[in-house]
All heavy atoms as atom14 arrays in JSON, in Angstrom:
{
  "sequence": "IALAHANDFMRSDEVVPASAGLLLMFGVGSVVGPVLASQVMGVLGFN",
  "atom14_mask": [
    [1, 1, 1, 1, 1, 1, 1, 1, 0, 0, 0, 0, 0, 0],
    [1, 1, 1, 1, 1, 0, 0, 0, 0, 0, 0, 0, 0, 0],
    [1, 1, 1, 1, 1, 1, 1, 1, 0, 0, 0, 0, 0, 0],
    [1, 1, 1, 1, 1, 0, 0, 0, 0, 0, 0, 0, 0, 0],
    [1, 1, 1, 1, 1, 1, 1, 1, 1, 1, 0, 0, 0, 0],
    [1, 1, 1, 1, 1, 0, 0, 0, 0, 0, 0, 0, 0, 0],
    [1, 1, 1, 1, 1, 1, 1, 1, 0, 0, 0, 0, 0, 0],
    [1, 1, 1, 1, 1, 1, 1, 1, 0, 0, 0, 0, 0, 0],
    [1, 1, 1, 1, 1, 1, 1, 1, 1, 1, 1, 0, 0, 0],
    [1, 1, 1, 1, 1, 1, 1, 1, 0, 0, 0, 0, 0, 0],
    [1, 1, 1, 1, 1, 1, 1, 1, 1, 1, 1, 0, 0, 0],
    [1, 1, 1, 1, 1, 1, 0, 0, 0, 0, 0, 0, 0, 0],
    [1, 1, 1, 1, 1, 1, 1, 1, 0, 0, 0, 0, 0, 0],
    [1, 1, 1, 1, 1, 1, 1, 1, 1, 0, 0, 0, 0, 0],
    [1, 1, 1, 1, 1, 1, 1, 0, 0, 0, 0, 0, 0, 0],
    [1, 1, 1, 1, 1, 1, 1, 0, 0, 0, 0, 0, 0, 0],
    [1, 1, 1, 1, 1, 1, 1, 0, 0, 0, 0, 0, 0, 0],
    [1, 1, 1, 1, 1, 0, 0, 0, 0, 0, 0, 0, 0, 0],
    [1, 1, 1, 1, 1, 1, 0, 0, 0, 0, 0, 0, 0, 0],
    [1, 1, 1, 1, 1, 0, 0, 0, 0, 0, 0, 0, 0, 0],
    [1, 1, 1, 1, 0, 0, 0, 0, 0, 0, 0, 0, 0, 0],
    [1, 1, 1, 1, 1, 1, 1, 1, 0, 0, 0, 0, 0, 0],
    [1, 1, 1, 1, 1, 1, 1, 1, 0, 0, 0, 0, 0, 0],
    [1, 1, 1, 1, 1, 1, 1, 1, 0, 0, 0, 0, 0, 0],
    [1, 1, 1, 1, 1, 1, 1, 1, 0, 0, 0, 0, 0, 0],
    [1, 1, 1, 1, 1, 1, 1, 1, 1, 1, 1, 0, 0, 0],
    [1, 1, 1, 1, 0, 0, 0, 0, 0, 0, 0, 0, 0, 0],
    [1, 1, 1, 1, 1, 1, 1, 0, 0, 0, 0, 0, 0, 0],
    [1, 1, 1, 1, 0, 0, 0, 0, 0, 0, 0, 0, 0, 0],
    [1, 1, 1, 1, 1, 1, 0, 0, 0, 0, 0, 0, 0, 0],
    [1, 1, 1, 1, 1, 1, 1, 0, 0, 0, 0, 0, 0, 0],
    [1, 1, 1, 1, 1, 1, 1, 0, 0, 0, 0, 0, 0, 0],
    [1, 1, 1, 1, 0, 0, 0, 0, 0, 0, 0, 0, 0, 0],
    [1, 1, 1, 1, 1, 1, 1, 0, 0, 0, 0, 0, 0, 0],
    [1, 1, 1, 1, 1, 1, 1, 0, 0, 0, 0, 0, 0, 0],
    [1, 1, 1, 1, 1, 1, 1, 1, 0, 0, 0, 0, 0, 0],
    [1, 1, 1, 1, 1, 0, 0, 0, 0, 0, 0, 0, 0, 0],
    [1, 1, 1, 1, 1, 1, 0, 0, 0, 0, 0, 0, 0, 0],
    [1, 1, 1, 1, 1, 1, 1, 1, 1, 0, 0, 0, 0, 0],
    [1, 1, 1, 1, 1, 1, 1, 0, 0, 0, 0, 0, 0, 0],
    [1, 1, 1, 1, 1, 1, 1, 1, 0, 0, 0, 0, 0, 0],
    [1, 1, 1, 1, 0, 0, 0, 0, 0, 0, 0, 0, 0, 0],
    [1, 1, 1, 1, 1, 1, 1, 0, 0, 0, 0, 0, 0, 0],
    [1, 1, 1, 1, 1, 1, 1, 1, 0, 0, 0, 0, 0, 0],
    [1, 1, 1, 1, 0, 0, 0, 0, 0, 0, 0, 0, 0, 0],
    [1, 1, 1, 1, 1, 1, 1, 1, 1, 1, 1, 0, 0, 0],
    [1, 1, 1, 1, 1, 1, 1, 1, 0, 0, 0, 0, 0, 0]
  ],
  "atom14_positions": [
    [[34.77, 23.91, -25.71], [33.49, 24.2, -26.41], [32.33, 23.67, -25.63], [31.3, 24.34, -25.48], [33.52, 23.62, -27.88], [34.59, 24.3, -28.7], [32.15, 23.81, -28.52], [34.73, 23.71, -30.09], [0.0, 0.0, 0.0], [0.0, 0.0, 0.0], [0.0, 0.0, 0.0], [0.0, 0.0, 0.0], [0.0, 0.0, 0.0], [0.0, 0.0, 0.0]],
    [[32.47, 22.44, -25.1], [31.39, 21.88, -24.26], [31.17, 22.71, -23.02], [30.01, 22.97, -22.61], [31.75, 20.43, -23.87], [0.0, 0.0, 0.0], [0.0, 0.0, 0.0], [0.0, 0.0, 0.0], [0.0, 0.0, 0.0], [0.0, 0.0, 0.0], [0.0, 0.0, 0.0], [0.0, 0.0, 0.0], [0.0, 0.0, 0.0], [0.0, 0.0, 0.0]],
    [[32.24, 23.21, -22.42], [32.15, 24.05, -21.25], [31.44, 25.37, -21.58], [30.55, 25.85, -20.87], [33.53, 24.33, -20.72], [33.64, 24.96, -19.31], [33.08, 24.04, -18.25], [35.12, 25.27, -19.01], [0.0, 0.0, 0.0], [0.0, 0.0, 0.0], [0.0, 0.0, 0.0], [0.0, 0.0, 0.0], [0.0, 0.0, 0.0], [0.0, 0.0, 0.0]],
    [[31.81, 25.96, -22.71], [31.19, 27.22, -23.17], [29.7, 27.03, -23.43], [28.87, 27.87, -23.08], [31.9, 27.76, -24.36], [0.0, 0.0, 0.0], [0.0, 0.0, 0.0], [0.0, 0.0, 0.0], [0.0, 0.0, 0.0], [0.0, 0.0, 0.0], [0.0, 0.0, 0.0], [0.0, 0.0, 0.0], [0.0, 0.0, 0.0], [0.0, 0.0, 0.0]],
    [[29.35, 25.91, -24.07], [27.95, 25.62, -24.37], [27.16, 25.5, -23.06], [26.06, 26.06, -22.95], [27.84, 24.35, -25.18], [26.42, 23.88, -25.34], [25.51, 24.52, -26.16], [25.76, 22.81, -24.8], [24.37, 23.89, -26.1], [24.47, 22.87, -25.29], [0.0, 0.0, 0.0], [0.0, 0.0, 0.0], [0.0, 0.0, 0.0], [0.0, 0.0, 0.0]],
    [[27.69, 24.77, -22.11], [26.99, 24.64, -20.83], [26.85, 25.97, -20.11], [25.77, 26.28, -19.6], [27.72, 23.65, -19.93], [0.0, 0.0, 0.0], [0.0, 0.0, 0.0], [0.0, 0.0, 0.0], [0.0, 0.0, 0.0], [0.0, 0.0, 0.0], [0.0, 0.0, 0.0], [0.0, 0.0, 0.0], [0.0, 0.0, 0.0], [0.0, 0.0, 0.0]],
    [[27.87, 26.77, -20.17], [27.83, 28.07, -19.49], [26.83, 29.04, -20.12], [26.35, 29.97, -19.45], [29.23, 28.72, -19.49], [30.18, 28.03, -18.51], [29.76, 27.32, -17.6], [31.48, 28.23, -18.72], [0.0, 0.0, 0.0], [0.0, 0.0, 0.0], [0.0, 0.0, 0.0], [0.0, 0.0, 0.0], [0.0, 0.0, 0.0], [0.0, 0.0, 0.0]],
    [[26.51, 28.81, -21.42], [25.53, 29.68, -22.09], [24.16, 29.63, -21.41], [23.36, 30.52, -21.54], [25.4, 29.28, -23.56], [26.58, 29.71, -24.39], [27.29, 30.63, -23.99], [26.79, 29.11, -25.48], [0.0, 0.0, 0.0], [0.0, 0.0, 0.0], [0.0, 0.0, 0.0], [0.0, 0.0, 0.0], [0.0, 0.0, 0.0], [0.0, 0.0, 0.0]],
    [[23.86, 28.52, -20.71], [22.54, 28.34, -20.1], [22.59, 28.58, -18.59], [21.63, 28.22, -17.89], [22.07, 26.92, -20.4], [21.81, 26.66, -21.88], [22.8, 26.14, -22.68], [20.61, 26.96, -22.46], [22.6, 25.93, -24.03], [20.38, 26.76, -23.78], [21.38, 26.24, -24.58], [0.0, 0.0, 0.0], [0.0, 0.0, 0.0], [0.0, 0.0, 0.0]],
    [[23.66, 29.19, -18.09], [23.8, 29.38, -16.66], [23.81, 30.87, -16.3], [24.22, 31.72, -17.1], [25.1, 28.74, -16.15], [25.15, 27.24, -16.32], [26.75, 26.61, -15.92], [26.59, 24.9, -16.47], [0.0, 0.0, 0.0], [0.0, 0.0, 0.0], [0.0, 0.0, 0.0], [0.0, 0.0, 0.0], [0.0, 0.0, 0.0], [0.0, 0.0, 0.0]],
    [[23.35, 31.15, -15.06], [23.5, 32.48, -14.54], [24.99, 32.7, -14.18], [25.74, 31.75, -13.97], [22.65, 32.7, -13.31], [21.16, 32.47, -13.51], [20.36, 32.88, -12.27], [20.9, 32.26, -11.07], [20.48, 31.07, -10.61], [19.54, 30.38, -11.27], [21.01, 30.57, -9.5], [0.0, 0.0, 0.0], [0.0, 0.0, 0.0], [0.0, 0.0, 0.0]],
    [[25.41, 33.96, -14.06], [26.81, 34.25, -13.77], [27.24, 33.64, -12.42], [28.4, 33.21, -12.29], [27.03, 35.77, -13.77], [26.22, 36.39, -12.79], [0.0, 0.0, 0.0], [0.0, 0.0, 0.0], [0.0, 0.0, 0.0], [0.0, 0.0, 0.0], [0.0, 0.0, 0.0], [0.0, 0.0, 0.0], [0.0, 0.0, 0.0], [0.0, 0.0, 0.0]],
    [[26.29, 33.58, -11.47], [26.68, 33.04, -10.16], [26.75, 31.49, -10.18], [27.23, 30.86, -9.23], [25.68, 33.44, -9.08], [24.25, 33.0, -9.35], [23.79, 33.12, -10.51], [23.59, 32.48, -8.42], [0.0, 0.0, 0.0], [0.0, 0.0, 0.0], [0.0, 0.0, 0.0], [0.0, 0.0, 0.0], [0.0, 0.0, 0.0], [0.0, 0.0, 0.0]],
    [[26.29, 30.87, -11.28], [26.36, 29.42, -11.4], [27.59, 28.95, -12.15], [27.92, 27.75, -12.15], [25.11, 28.88, -12.12], [23.83, 29.04, -11.39], [22.63, 28.55, -12.18], [22.65, 28.71, -13.42], [21.68, 28.02, -11.58], [0.0, 0.0, 0.0], [0.0, 0.0, 0.0], [0.0, 0.0, 0.0], [0.0, 0.0, 0.0], [0.0, 0.0, 0.0]],
    [[28.3, 29.87, -12.83], [29.36, 29.47, -13.74], [30.48, 28.74, -13.02], [30.89, 27.65, -13.42], [29.93, 30.72, -14.48], [31.23, 30.38, -15.19], [28.91, 31.23, -15.5], [0.0, 0.0, 0.0], [0.0, 0.0, 0.0], [0.0, 0.0, 0.0], [0.0, 0.0, 0.0], [0.0, 0.0, 0.0], [0.0, 0.0, 0.0], [0.0, 0.0, 0.0]],
    [[31.0, 29.31, -11.93], [32.12, 28.69, -11.24], [31.75, 27.33, -10.63], [32.43, 26.33, -10.87], [32.74, 29.63, -10.18], [33.75, 28.9, -9.34], [33.37, 30.83, -10.87], [0.0, 0.0, 0.0], [0.0, 0.0, 0.0], [0.0, 0.0, 0.0], [0.0, 0.0, 0.0], [0.0, 0.0, 0.0], [0.0, 0.0, 0.0], [0.0, 0.0, 0.0]],
    [[30.66, 27.23, -9.81], [30.35, 25.93, -9.28], [29.96, 24.89, -10.33], [30.31, 23.7, -10.21], [29.15, 26.19, -8.32], [28.61, 27.53, -8.76], [29.78, 28.31, -9.26], [0.0, 0.0, 0.0], [0.0, 0.0, 0.0], [0.0, 0.0, 0.0], [0.0, 0.0, 0.0], [0.0, 0.0, 0.0], [0.0, 0.0, 0.0], [0.0, 0.0, 0.0]],
    [[29.32, 25.31, -11.41], [28.96, 24.38, -12.48], [30.2, 23.93, -13.23], [30.38, 22.77, -13.57], [27.98, 25.01, -13.43], [0.0, 0.0, 0.0], [0.0, 0.0, 0.0], [0.0, 0.0, 0.0], [0.0, 0.0, 0.0], [0.0, 0.0, 0.0], [0.0, 0.0, 0.0], [0.0, 0.0, 0.0], [0.0, 0.0, 0.0], [0.0, 0.0, 0.0]],
    [[31.11, 24.89, -13.48], [32.36, 24.54, -14.18], [33.2, 23.6, -13.33], [33.88, 22.72, -13.86], [33.17, 25.79, -14.49], [32.45, 26.65, -15.38], [0.0, 0.0, 0.0], [0.0, 0.0, 0.0], [0.0, 0.0, 0.0], [0.0, 0.0, 0.0], [0.0, 0.0, 0.0], [0.0, 0.0, 0.0], [0.0, 0.0, 0.0], [0.0, 0.0, 0.0]],
    [[33.16, 23.75, -12.02], [33.87, 22.83, -11.13], [33.3, 21.43, -11.27], [34.03, 20.43, -11.32], [33.8, 23.32, -9.69], [0.0, 0.0, 0.0], [0.0, 0.0, 0.0], [0.0, 0.0, 0.0], [0.0, 0.0, 0.0], [0.0, 0.0, 0.0], [0.0, 0.0, 0.0], [0.0, 0.0, 0.0], [0.0, 0.0, 0.0], [0.0, 0.0, 0.0]],
    [[31.97, 21.35, -11.35], [31.33, 20.06, -11.53], [31.64, 19.45, -12.89], [31.89, 18.25, -13.0], [0.0, 0.0, 0.0], [0.0, 0.0, 0.0], [0.0, 0.0, 0.0], [0.0, 0.0, 0.0], [0.0, 0.0, 0.0], [0.0, 0.0, 0.0], [0.0, 0.0, 0.0], [0.0, 0.0, 0.0], [0.0, 0.0, 0.0], [0.0, 0.0, 0.0]],
    [[31.67, 20.3, -13.94], [31.99, 19.81, -15.28], [33.44, 19.34, -15.36], [33.75, 18.34, -16.06], [31.72, 20.91, -16.3], [30.27, 21.22, -16.54], [30.09, 22.52, -17.33], [29.54, 20.07, -17.26], [0.0, 0.0, 0.0], [0.0, 0.0, 0.0], [0.0, 0.0, 0.0], [0.0, 0.0, 0.0], [0.0, 0.0, 0.0], [0.0, 0.0, 0.0]],
    [[34.35, 20.02, -14.67], [35.73, 19.6, -14.63], [35.86, 18.25, -13.93], [36.65, 17.38, -14.33], [36.61, 20.63, -13.94], [38.1, 20.3, -13.87], [38.68, 20.15, -15.24], [38.84, 21.4, -13.09], [0.0, 0.0, 0.0], [0.0, 0.0, 0.0], [0.0, 0.0, 0.0], [0.0, 0.0, 0.0], [0.0, 0.0, 0.0], [0.0, 0.0, 0.0]],
    [[35.03, 18.03, -12.91], [35.01, 16.77, -12.22], [34.53, 15.66, -13.19], [35.06, 14.55, -13.19], [34.09, 16.83, -10.99], [34.02, 15.58, -10.12], [35.37, 15.24, -9.54], [32.98, 15.77, -8.99], [0.0, 0.0, 0.0], [0.0, 0.0, 0.0], [0.0, 0.0, 0.0], [0.0, 0.0, 0.0], [0.0, 0.0, 0.0], [0.0, 0.0, 0.0]],
    [[33.52, 15.98, -14.03], [33.08, 15.03, -15.03], [34.18, 14.69, -16.02], [34.37, 13.54, -16.42], [31.86, 15.59, -15.76], [30.61, 15.73, -14.91], [30.0, 14.17, -14.26], [30.71, 14.19, -12.61], [0.0, 0.0, 0.0], [0.0, 0.0, 0.0], [0.0, 0.0, 0.0], [0.0, 0.0, 0.0], [0.0, 0.0, 0.0], [0.0, 0.0, 0.0]],
    [[34.95, 15.7, -16.4], [36.09, 15.49, -17.29], [37.09, 14.56, -16.59], [37.66, 13.68, -17.21], [36.75, 16.8, -17.67], [38.05, 16.63, -18.43], [38.03, 16.45, -19.79], [39.28, 16.67, -17.78], [39.2, 16.3, -20.5], [40.45, 16.5, -18.47], [40.43, 16.35, -19.83], [0.0, 0.0, 0.0], [0.0, 0.0, 0.0], [0.0, 0.0, 0.0]],
    [[37.3, 14.78, -15.29], [38.21, 13.95, -14.53], [37.76, 12.5, -14.48], [38.59, 11.57, -14.58], [0.0, 0.0, 0.0], [0.0, 0.0, 0.0], [0.0, 0.0, 0.0], [0.0, 0.0, 0.0], [0.0, 0.0, 0.0], [0.0, 0.0, 0.0], [0.0, 0.0, 0.0], [0.0, 0.0, 0.0], [0.0, 0.0, 0.0], [0.0, 0.0, 0.0]],
    [[36.47, 12.28, -14.32], [35.95, 10.92, -14.32], [36.21, 10.26, -15.66], [36.63, 9.07, -15.73], [34.43, 10.91, -14.0], [33.85, 9.52, -14.21], [34.2, 11.38, -12.56], [0.0, 0.0, 0.0], [0.0, 0.0, 0.0], [0.0, 0.0, 0.0], [0.0, 0.0, 0.0], [0.0, 0.0, 0.0], [0.0, 0.0, 0.0], [0.0, 0.0, 0.0]],
    [[35.97, 11.0, -16.74], [36.3, 10.47, -18.08], [37.77, 10.16, -18.24], [38.14, 9.15, -18.87], [0.0, 0.0, 0.0], [0.0, 0.0, 0.0], [0.0, 0.0, 0.0], [0.0, 0.0, 0.0], [0.0, 0.0, 0.0], [0.0, 0.0, 0.0], [0.0, 0.0, 0.0], [0.0, 0.0, 0.0], [0.0, 0.0, 0.0], [0.0, 0.0, 0.0]],
    [[38.63, 10.98, -17.65], [40.08, 10.77, -17.74], [40.52, 9.54, -16.96], [41.57, 8.98, -17.26], [40.8, 12.01, -17.22], [40.53, 13.14, -18.03], [0.0, 0.0, 0.0], [0.0, 0.0, 0.0], [0.0, 0.0, 0.0], [0.0, 0.0, 0.0], [0.0, 0.0, 0.0], [0.0, 0.0, 0.0], [0.0, 0.0, 0.0], [0.0, 0.0, 0.0]],
    [[39.73, 9.16, -15.94], [40.04, 7.94, -15.2], [39.66, 6.73, -16.04], [40.42, 5.77, -16.18], [39.3, 7.92, -13.84], [39.45, 6.55, -13.19], [39.85, 9.01, -12.93], [0.0, 0.0, 0.0], [0.0, 0.0, 0.0], [0.0, 0.0, 0.0], [0.0, 0.0, 0.0], [0.0, 0.0, 0.0], [0.0, 0.0, 0.0], [0.0, 0.0, 0.0]],
    [[38.48, 6.77, -16.61], [37.95, 5.59, -17.34], [38.61, 5.45, -18.71], [38.86, 4.32, -19.16], [36.43, 5.74, -17.49], [35.85, 4.57, -18.31], [35.73, 5.82, -16.13], [0.0, 0.0, 0.0], [0.0, 0.0, 0.0], [0.0, 0.0, 0.0], [0.0, 0.0, 0.0], [0.0, 0.0, 0.0], [0.0, 0.0, 0.0], [0.0, 0.0, 0.0]],
    [[38.93, 6.56, -19.37], [39.45, 6.55, -20.75], [40.68, 5.66, -20.93], [40.67, 4.76, -21.81], [0.0, 0.0, 0.0], [0.0, 0.0, 0.0], [0.0, 0.0, 0.0], [0.0, 0.0, 0.0], [0.0, 0.0, 0.0], [0.0, 0.0, 0.0], [0.0, 0.0, 0.0], [0.0, 0.0, 0.0], [0.0, 0.0, 0.0], [0.0, 0.0, 0.0]],
    [[41.75, 5.88, -20.17], [42.94, 5.03, -20.36], [42.69, 3.56, -20.11], [43.29, 2.7, -20.77], [43.95, 5.6, -19.34], [43.48, 6.99, -19.09], [41.99, 6.94, -19.19], [0.0, 0.0, 0.0], [0.0, 0.0, 0.0], [0.0, 0.0, 0.0], [0.0, 0.0, 0.0], [0.0, 0.0, 0.0], [0.0, 0.0, 0.0], [0.0, 0.0, 0.0]],
    [[41.82, 3.26, -19.15], [41.53, 1.85, -18.83], [40.82, 1.18, -19.99], [41.21, 0.09, -20.48], [40.68, 1.73, -17.54], [40.31, 0.29, -17.26], [41.43, 2.31, -16.35], [0.0, 0.0, 0.0], [0.0, 0.0, 0.0], [0.0, 0.0, 0.0], [0.0, 0.0, 0.0], [0.0, 0.0, 0.0], [0.0, 0.0, 0.0], [0.0, 0.0, 0.0]],
    [[39.78, 1.84, -20.52], [39.03, 1.28, -21.65], [39.93, 1.17, -22.9], [39.91, 0.16, -23.59], [37.82, 2.12, -21.97], [36.67, 2.1, -20.93], [35.54, 3.05, -21.4], [36.15, 0.71, -20.67], [0.0, 0.0, 0.0], [0.0, 0.0, 0.0], [0.0, 0.0, 0.0], [0.0, 0.0, 0.0], [0.0, 0.0, 0.0], [0.0, 0.0, 0.0]],
    [[40.68, 2.23, -23.15], [41.54, 2.23, -24.33], [42.57, 1.11, -24.27], [42.84, 0.42, -25.29], [42.23, 3.58, -24.5], [0.0, 0.0, 0.0], [0.0, 0.0, 0.0], [0.0, 0.0, 0.0], [0.0, 0.0, 0.0], [0.0, 0.0, 0.0], [0.0, 0.0, 0.0], [0.0, 0.0, 0.0], [0.0, 0.0, 0.0], [0.0, 0.0, 0.0]],
    [[43.17, 0.9, -23.1], [44.17, -0.14, -22.98], [43.59, -1.52, -23.16], [44.22, -2.42, -23.7], [44.88, -0.03, -21.62], [43.98, -0.28, -20.55], [0.0, 0.0, 0.0], [0.0, 0.0, 0.0], [0.0, 0.0, 0.0], [0.0, 0.0, 0.0], [0.0, 0.0, 0.0], [0.0, 0.0, 0.0], [0.0, 0.0, 0.0], [0.0, 0.0, 0.0]],
    [[42.34, -1.7, -22.72], [41.68, -3.0, -22.92], [41.44, -3.26, -24.41], [41.63, -4.36, -24.92], [40.34, -3.03, -22.15], [40.45, -2.83, -20.64], [41.33, -3.89, -19.97], [41.17, -5.08, -20.28], [42.2, -3.47, -19.09], [0.0, 0.0, 0.0], [0.0, 0.0, 0.0], [0.0, 0.0, 0.0], [0.0, 0.0, 0.0], [0.0, 0.0, 0.0]],
    [[40.99, -2.21, -25.14], [40.79, -2.35, -26.57], [42.12, -2.61, -27.27], [42.2, -3.45, -28.2], [40.13, -1.09, -27.13], [39.98, -1.17, -28.66], [38.74, -0.89, -26.51], [0.0, 0.0, 0.0], [0.0, 0.0, 0.0], [0.0, 0.0, 0.0], [0.0, 0.0, 0.0], [0.0, 0.0, 0.0], [0.0, 0.0, 0.0], [0.0, 0.0, 0.0]],
    [[43.17, -1.92, -26.86], [44.49, -2.14, -27.45], [44.98, -3.57, -27.19], [45.68, -4.17, -28.03], [45.48, -1.12, -26.9], [45.21, 0.29, -27.33], [46.27, 1.51, -26.49], [47.84, 1.24, -27.32], [0.0, 0.0, 0.0], [0.0, 0.0, 0.0], [0.0, 0.0, 0.0], [0.0, 0.0, 0.0], [0.0, 0.0, 0.0], [0.0, 0.0, 0.0]],
    [[44.64, -4.12, -26.02], [45.04, -5.47, -25.71], [44.37, -6.49, -26.66], [44.96, -7.55, -26.93], [0.0, 0.0, 0.0], [0.0, 0.0, 0.0], [0.0, 0.0, 0.0], [0.0, 0.0, 0.0], [0.0, 0.0, 0.0], [0.0, 0.0, 0.0], [0.0, 0.0, 0.0], [0.0, 0.0, 0.0], [0.0, 0.0, 0.0], [0.0, 0.0, 0.0]],
    [[43.2, -6.15, -27.17], [42.46, -7.05, -28.08], [42.81, -6.8, -29.52], [43.06, -7.73, -30.3], [40.93, -6.9, -27.84], [40.19, -7.76, -28.85], [40.59, -7.31, -26.4], [0.0, 0.0, 0.0], [0.0, 0.0, 0.0], [0.0, 0.0, 0.0], [0.0, 0.0, 0.0], [0.0, 0.0, 0.0], [0.0, 0.0, 0.0], [0.0, 0.0, 0.0]],
    [[42.84, -5.51, -29.93], [43.0, -5.16, -31.34], [44.41, -4.77, -31.73], [44.69, -4.55, -32.9], [42.04, -4.0, -31.69], [40.57, -4.27, -31.48], [39.74, -3.03, -31.89], [40.09, -5.47, -32.27], [0.0, 0.0, 0.0], [0.0, 0.0, 0.0], [0.0, 0.0, 0.0], [0.0, 0.0, 0.0], [0.0, 0.0, 0.0], [0.0, 0.0, 0.0]],
    [[45.3, -4.67, -30.74], [46.64, -4.21, -31.05], [46.74, -2.68, -30.83], [45.79, -2.03, -30.41], [0.0, 0.0, 0.0], [0.0, 0.0, 0.0], [0.0, 0.0, 0.0], [0.0, 0.0, 0.0], [0.0, 0.0, 0.0], [0.0, 0.0, 0.0], [0.0, 0.0, 0.0], [0.0, 0.0, 0.0], [0.0, 0.0, 0.0], [0.0, 0.0, 0.0]],
    [[47.93, -2.12, -31.14], [48.15, -0.72, -30.8], [47.21, 0.21, -31.55], [46.85, 1.31, -31.06], [49.6, -0.34, -31.08], [50.01, -0.33, -32.53], [49.92, 0.81, -33.3], [50.52, -1.5, -33.12], [50.29, 0.81, -34.63], [50.89, -1.51, -34.44], [50.79, -0.35, -35.22], [0.0, 0.0, 0.0], [0.0, 0.0, 0.0], [0.0, 0.0, 0.0]],
    [[46.71, -0.17, -32.74], [45.75, 0.67, -33.45], [44.4, 0.73, -32.73], [43.56, 1.6, -33.06], [45.54, 0.12, -34.86], [46.71, 0.43, -35.8], [47.33, 1.48, -35.67], [46.96, -0.44, -36.74], [0.0, 0.0, 0.0], [0.0, 0.0, 0.0], [0.0, 0.0, 0.0], [0.0, 0.0, 0.0], [0.0, 0.0, 0.0], [0.0, 0.0, 0.0]]
  ]
}
C-alpha cells in the first residue's frame, strides 16, 4: 500500500527506479528491525 501510494505521485518512467529505492528503504528497515526488537525483548521479555 505504501508503494502504491508513492507510485501515485510518479511518472511512469519514475516507477521502477523509485520502487527500487523504496525497496532499499524497506531493506534498511529490515536490518534495523530485528536488532531493535531483540533489544526490547531482552529488557521486557518475549512479549
